N, C-alpha and C. Protein backbone atom coordinates (compact mmCIF):
# COMPACT_ATOMS: atom_id res chain seq x y z
N UNK A 1 105.91 10.13 20.91
CA UNK A 1 105.22 8.96 21.36
C UNK A 1 103.75 9.08 20.97
N UNK A 2 103.26 8.11 20.26
CA UNK A 2 101.87 8.13 19.83
C UNK A 2 101.05 7.14 20.68
N UNK A 3 99.80 7.50 20.87
CA UNK A 3 98.89 6.66 21.64
C UNK A 3 97.92 6.02 20.66
N UNK A 4 97.78 4.74 20.79
CA UNK A 4 96.87 4.01 19.90
C UNK A 4 95.43 4.09 20.43
N UNK A 5 94.51 4.04 19.51
CA UNK A 5 93.09 4.10 19.88
C UNK A 5 92.70 2.90 20.74
N UNK A 6 93.28 1.75 20.49
CA UNK A 6 92.94 0.55 21.28
C UNK A 6 93.40 0.72 22.74
N UNK A 7 94.53 1.41 22.96
CA UNK A 7 95.01 1.66 24.32
C UNK A 7 94.05 2.58 25.07
N UNK A 8 93.55 3.59 24.38
CA UNK A 8 92.60 4.52 24.99
C UNK A 8 91.32 3.80 25.37
N UNK A 9 90.81 2.98 24.45
CA UNK A 9 89.57 2.26 24.75
C UNK A 9 89.77 1.25 25.88
N UNK A 10 90.95 0.63 25.96
CA UNK A 10 91.24 -0.29 27.07
C UNK A 10 91.28 0.46 28.41
N UNK A 11 91.86 1.66 28.41
CA UNK A 11 91.89 2.47 29.62
C UNK A 11 90.48 2.88 30.06
N UNK A 12 89.66 3.27 29.10
CA UNK A 12 88.29 3.67 29.41
C UNK A 12 87.50 2.48 29.95
N UNK A 13 87.65 1.31 29.33
CA UNK A 13 86.95 0.11 29.80
C UNK A 13 87.39 -0.26 31.21
N UNK A 14 88.66 -0.13 31.51
CA UNK A 14 89.17 -0.43 32.85
C UNK A 14 88.58 0.53 33.88
N UNK A 15 88.49 1.79 33.53
CA UNK A 15 87.91 2.78 34.46
C UNK A 15 86.43 2.52 34.70
N UNK A 16 85.72 2.15 33.64
CA UNK A 16 84.29 1.85 33.77
C UNK A 16 84.09 0.63 34.67
N UNK A 17 84.93 -0.39 34.52
CA UNK A 17 84.81 -1.58 35.34
C UNK A 17 85.08 -1.28 36.82
N UNK A 18 85.95 -0.33 37.09
CA UNK A 18 86.30 0.02 38.47
C UNK A 18 85.37 1.05 39.09
N UNK A 19 84.50 1.63 38.29
CA UNK A 19 83.61 2.69 38.77
C UNK A 19 82.62 2.15 39.79
N UNK A 20 82.49 2.86 40.91
CA UNK A 20 81.53 2.50 41.95
C UNK A 20 80.55 3.65 42.11
N UNK A 21 79.29 3.36 41.93
CA UNK A 21 78.26 4.38 42.05
C UNK A 21 78.02 4.72 43.51
N UNK A 22 77.83 5.99 43.79
CA UNK A 22 77.63 6.44 45.15
C UNK A 22 76.24 7.05 45.36
N UNK A 23 75.27 6.65 44.54
CA UNK A 23 73.93 7.19 44.69
C UNK A 23 73.18 6.42 45.76
N UNK A 24 72.24 7.10 46.38
CA UNK A 24 71.41 6.45 47.39
C UNK A 24 70.04 7.11 47.40
N UNK A 25 69.02 6.30 47.67
CA UNK A 25 67.68 6.83 47.79
C UNK A 25 67.45 7.18 49.25
N UNK A 26 66.89 8.35 49.50
CA UNK A 26 66.69 8.80 50.88
C UNK A 26 65.21 9.03 51.16
N UNK A 27 64.85 8.76 52.38
CA UNK A 27 63.49 8.97 52.81
C UNK A 27 63.38 10.16 53.76
N UNK A 28 64.42 10.97 53.81
CA UNK A 28 64.43 12.17 54.66
C UNK A 28 64.71 13.37 53.78
N UNK A 29 63.91 14.39 53.93
CA UNK A 29 64.10 15.61 53.15
C UNK A 29 64.26 16.81 54.04
N UNK A 30 64.64 17.92 53.45
CA UNK A 30 64.82 19.18 54.17
C UNK A 30 63.83 20.20 53.66
N UNK A 31 63.14 20.87 54.58
CA UNK A 31 62.17 21.90 54.20
C UNK A 31 62.93 23.10 53.67
N UNK A 32 62.57 23.52 52.46
CA UNK A 32 63.22 24.65 51.81
C UNK A 32 62.43 25.93 52.05
N UNK A 33 61.09 25.82 52.03
CA UNK A 33 60.27 27.01 52.27
C UNK A 33 58.94 26.61 52.90
N UNK A 34 58.37 27.54 53.66
CA UNK A 34 57.06 27.35 54.29
C UNK A 34 56.24 28.60 54.03
N UNK A 35 55.05 28.42 53.44
CA UNK A 35 54.17 29.54 53.16
C UNK A 35 52.73 29.13 53.36
N UNK A 36 52.07 29.66 54.37
CA UNK A 36 50.64 29.42 54.61
C UNK A 36 50.27 27.94 54.60
N UNK A 37 51.03 27.12 55.25
CA UNK A 37 50.72 25.69 55.35
C UNK A 37 51.17 24.86 54.17
N UNK A 38 51.84 25.48 53.21
CA UNK A 38 52.39 24.77 52.06
C UNK A 38 53.90 24.76 52.22
N UNK A 39 54.50 23.58 52.14
CA UNK A 39 55.95 23.47 52.29
C UNK A 39 56.57 22.91 51.02
N UNK A 40 57.77 23.33 50.75
CA UNK A 40 58.57 22.77 49.65
C UNK A 40 59.72 22.03 50.30
N UNK A 41 59.90 20.77 49.90
CA UNK A 41 60.87 19.89 50.52
C UNK A 41 61.85 19.39 49.47
N UNK A 42 63.12 19.43 49.81
CA UNK A 42 64.17 18.92 48.93
C UNK A 42 64.70 17.61 49.49
N UNK A 43 64.82 16.58 48.63
CA UNK A 43 65.47 15.34 49.04
C UNK A 43 64.58 14.15 49.26
N UNK A 44 63.30 14.22 48.98
CA UNK A 44 62.42 13.06 49.15
C UNK A 44 62.22 12.35 47.81
N UNK A 45 63.19 11.56 47.44
CA UNK A 45 63.16 10.90 46.14
C UNK A 45 62.08 9.82 46.04
N UNK A 46 61.72 9.19 47.17
CA UNK A 46 60.77 8.08 47.14
C UNK A 46 59.32 8.50 47.28
N UNK A 47 59.05 9.74 47.61
CA UNK A 47 57.67 10.19 47.84
C UNK A 47 56.88 10.18 46.54
N UNK A 48 55.62 9.80 46.65
CA UNK A 48 54.71 9.76 45.51
C UNK A 48 53.53 10.71 45.78
N UNK A 49 52.81 11.03 44.74
CA UNK A 49 51.65 11.92 44.85
C UNK A 49 50.62 11.33 45.83
N UNK A 50 50.19 12.16 46.77
CA UNK A 50 49.15 11.76 47.70
C UNK A 50 49.63 10.99 48.91
N UNK A 51 50.92 10.79 49.05
CA UNK A 51 51.42 10.03 50.18
C UNK A 51 51.63 10.91 51.41
N UNK A 52 51.59 10.26 52.56
CA UNK A 52 51.71 10.94 53.83
C UNK A 52 53.17 11.22 54.16
N UNK A 53 53.44 12.43 54.62
CA UNK A 53 54.77 12.83 55.07
C UNK A 53 54.67 13.21 56.54
N UNK A 54 55.74 13.02 57.27
CA UNK A 54 55.76 13.41 58.68
C UNK A 54 56.84 14.45 58.91
N UNK A 55 56.49 15.49 59.64
CA UNK A 55 57.42 16.55 59.98
C UNK A 55 57.77 16.45 61.46
N UNK A 56 58.80 17.18 61.87
CA UNK A 56 59.13 17.21 63.28
C UNK A 56 57.95 17.79 64.05
N UNK A 57 57.79 17.37 65.28
CA UNK A 57 56.66 17.84 66.08
C UNK A 57 55.41 17.02 65.87
N UNK A 58 55.53 15.81 65.32
CA UNK A 58 54.40 14.90 65.12
C UNK A 58 53.31 15.53 64.25
N UNK A 59 53.71 16.24 63.21
CA UNK A 59 52.80 16.88 62.27
C UNK A 59 52.89 16.14 60.94
N UNK A 60 51.73 15.99 60.28
CA UNK A 60 51.69 15.28 59.02
C UNK A 60 51.40 16.22 57.86
N UNK A 61 51.77 15.77 56.67
CA UNK A 61 51.50 16.52 55.46
C UNK A 61 51.18 15.56 54.33
N UNK A 62 50.69 16.10 53.24
CA UNK A 62 50.30 15.31 52.08
C UNK A 62 51.09 15.79 50.87
N UNK A 63 51.85 14.89 50.24
CA UNK A 63 52.65 15.24 49.07
C UNK A 63 51.73 15.47 47.88
N UNK A 64 51.79 16.65 47.29
CA UNK A 64 50.90 16.97 46.17
C UNK A 64 51.63 17.39 44.91
N UNK A 65 52.67 18.18 45.02
CA UNK A 65 53.35 18.72 43.85
C UNK A 65 54.74 18.09 43.74
N UNK A 66 54.89 17.15 42.83
CA UNK A 66 56.17 16.46 42.66
C UNK A 66 56.94 17.08 41.51
N UNK A 67 58.09 17.60 41.83
CA UNK A 67 58.96 18.16 40.81
C UNK A 67 60.25 17.39 40.77
N UNK A 68 61.12 17.71 39.85
CA UNK A 68 62.35 16.95 39.66
C UNK A 68 63.26 16.98 40.90
N UNK A 69 63.35 18.12 41.55
CA UNK A 69 64.27 18.23 42.68
C UNK A 69 63.60 18.56 44.00
N UNK A 70 62.26 18.66 44.02
CA UNK A 70 61.58 18.99 45.26
C UNK A 70 60.16 18.43 45.27
N UNK A 71 59.57 18.46 46.45
CA UNK A 71 58.20 18.00 46.65
C UNK A 71 57.44 19.12 47.34
N UNK A 72 56.27 19.45 46.82
CA UNK A 72 55.40 20.41 47.48
C UNK A 72 54.36 19.65 48.27
N UNK A 73 54.11 20.06 49.51
CA UNK A 73 53.16 19.34 50.35
C UNK A 73 52.32 20.33 51.14
N UNK A 74 51.10 19.91 51.44
CA UNK A 74 50.23 20.69 52.31
C UNK A 74 50.32 20.09 53.71
N UNK A 75 50.45 20.95 54.71
CA UNK A 75 50.57 20.50 56.10
C UNK A 75 49.17 20.31 56.65
N UNK A 76 48.93 19.17 57.25
CA UNK A 76 47.62 18.86 57.84
C UNK A 76 47.67 19.20 59.32
N UNK A 77 47.40 20.43 59.64
CA UNK A 77 47.44 20.87 61.03
C UNK A 77 48.28 22.12 61.16
N UNK A 78 48.71 22.39 62.39
CA UNK A 78 49.49 23.59 62.67
C UNK A 78 50.87 23.49 62.04
N UNK A 79 51.27 24.53 61.35
CA UNK A 79 52.55 24.52 60.64
C UNK A 79 53.53 25.55 61.21
N UNK A 80 53.16 26.25 62.26
CA UNK A 80 53.98 27.34 62.78
C UNK A 80 55.36 26.88 63.26
N UNK A 81 55.48 25.65 63.74
CA UNK A 81 56.77 25.15 64.24
C UNK A 81 57.68 24.63 63.13
N UNK A 82 57.15 24.48 61.92
CA UNK A 82 57.95 24.01 60.79
C UNK A 82 58.64 25.22 60.16
N UNK A 83 59.94 25.14 59.99
CA UNK A 83 60.69 26.26 59.41
C UNK A 83 61.69 25.73 58.39
N UNK A 84 62.32 26.63 57.68
CA UNK A 84 63.35 26.23 56.72
C UNK A 84 64.44 25.47 57.46
N UNK A 85 64.83 24.33 56.90
CA UNK A 85 65.85 23.49 57.52
C UNK A 85 65.27 22.36 58.35
N UNK A 86 63.95 22.39 58.62
CA UNK A 86 63.32 21.29 59.35
C UNK A 86 63.37 20.03 58.50
N UNK A 87 63.27 18.87 59.15
CA UNK A 87 63.28 17.60 58.43
C UNK A 87 61.87 17.13 58.14
N UNK A 88 61.72 16.47 57.00
CA UNK A 88 60.46 15.83 56.61
C UNK A 88 60.77 14.37 56.32
N UNK A 89 59.91 13.49 56.78
CA UNK A 89 60.14 12.06 56.62
C UNK A 89 59.05 11.44 55.77
N UNK A 90 59.44 10.61 54.84
CA UNK A 90 58.49 9.84 54.05
C UNK A 90 58.46 8.46 54.66
N UNK A 91 57.27 8.01 55.04
CA UNK A 91 57.13 6.69 55.64
C UNK A 91 56.12 5.90 54.84
N UNK A 92 56.54 4.72 54.42
CA UNK A 92 55.65 3.87 53.64
C UNK A 92 54.75 3.12 54.60
N UNK A 93 53.45 3.34 54.48
CA UNK A 93 52.47 2.63 55.30
C UNK A 93 51.66 1.72 54.41
N UNK A 94 51.30 0.55 54.93
CA UNK A 94 50.47 -0.36 54.16
C UNK A 94 49.50 -1.07 55.08
N UNK A 95 48.50 -1.67 54.51
CA UNK A 95 47.53 -2.42 55.28
C UNK A 95 46.43 -1.54 55.83
N UNK A 96 45.61 -2.10 56.74
CA UNK A 96 44.47 -1.35 57.29
C UNK A 96 44.89 -0.10 58.07
N UNK A 97 46.05 -0.14 58.73
CA UNK A 97 46.50 1.01 59.51
C UNK A 97 46.83 2.19 58.60
N UNK A 98 47.15 1.93 57.35
CA UNK A 98 47.45 3.00 56.41
C UNK A 98 46.22 3.87 56.19
N UNK A 99 45.06 3.25 56.06
CA UNK A 99 43.83 3.99 55.84
C UNK A 99 43.53 4.92 57.02
N UNK A 100 43.72 4.43 58.23
CA UNK A 100 43.49 5.25 59.41
C UNK A 100 44.47 6.41 59.44
N UNK A 101 45.75 6.15 59.19
CA UNK A 101 46.76 7.20 59.22
C UNK A 101 46.53 8.22 58.12
N UNK A 102 46.05 7.79 56.96
CA UNK A 102 45.86 8.71 55.85
C UNK A 102 44.60 9.55 56.02
N UNK A 103 43.50 8.93 56.46
CA UNK A 103 42.25 9.66 56.60
C UNK A 103 42.18 10.50 57.86
N UNK A 104 42.80 10.02 58.94
CA UNK A 104 42.70 10.72 60.21
C UNK A 104 44.07 10.88 60.85
N UNK A 105 44.92 11.77 60.36
CA UNK A 105 46.25 11.91 60.94
C UNK A 105 46.21 12.39 62.38
N UNK A 106 45.15 13.09 62.77
CA UNK A 106 45.03 13.56 64.14
C UNK A 106 44.74 12.41 65.11
N UNK A 107 44.39 11.21 64.61
CA UNK A 107 44.07 10.07 65.46
C UNK A 107 45.31 9.25 65.80
N UNK A 108 46.47 9.69 65.39
CA UNK A 108 47.69 8.91 65.64
C UNK A 108 47.92 8.61 67.12
N UNK A 109 47.75 9.58 68.04
CA UNK A 109 47.94 9.22 69.44
C UNK A 109 46.98 8.14 69.92
N UNK A 110 45.77 8.11 69.34
CA UNK A 110 44.80 7.07 69.73
C UNK A 110 45.20 5.71 69.18
N UNK A 111 45.59 5.66 67.90
CA UNK A 111 45.93 4.38 67.29
C UNK A 111 47.25 3.85 67.81
N UNK A 112 48.09 4.70 68.37
CA UNK A 112 49.36 4.24 68.92
C UNK A 112 49.14 3.37 70.14
N UNK A 113 48.02 3.59 70.87
CA UNK A 113 47.75 2.81 72.08
C UNK A 113 46.92 1.56 71.78
N UNK A 114 46.30 1.52 70.60
CA UNK A 114 45.44 0.38 70.25
C UNK A 114 46.28 -0.66 69.52
N UNK A 115 46.09 -1.96 69.81
CA UNK A 115 46.83 -2.99 69.09
C UNK A 115 46.57 -2.91 67.60
N UNK A 116 47.48 -3.46 66.83
CA UNK A 116 47.36 -3.43 65.37
C UNK A 116 46.07 -4.10 64.92
N UNK A 117 45.44 -3.53 63.92
CA UNK A 117 44.20 -4.08 63.39
C UNK A 117 44.47 -5.42 62.71
N UNK A 118 43.55 -6.37 62.80
CA UNK A 118 43.77 -7.68 62.14
C UNK A 118 43.75 -7.53 60.63
N UNK A 119 44.52 -8.36 59.96
CA UNK A 119 44.59 -8.31 58.50
C UNK A 119 43.45 -9.06 57.87
């Protein structure tokens, strides 16, 4: 029994048409290593250079080293509670509140009680 080239191409085309992609972009990463306030995070596909990251314990960090499979970030504050396996969150901030959160991450408890700044 011989197989024709047209039959093979028809089978391949049918499989391609039925293919469903299972990729997803995630805004949560896992800390792979912590060294002197520098963390390496795996899984933050949406993070960009200079953007704010949030760790467990209400601690913030700044994404600085973007690699293909990980993000290197500096922790802004105490990092002793962050360990391998901790979660890191990328949060997109925009508007006037973004400037406050980026320049003064320690002011978050204060800005949480103040109404949103006018646009």
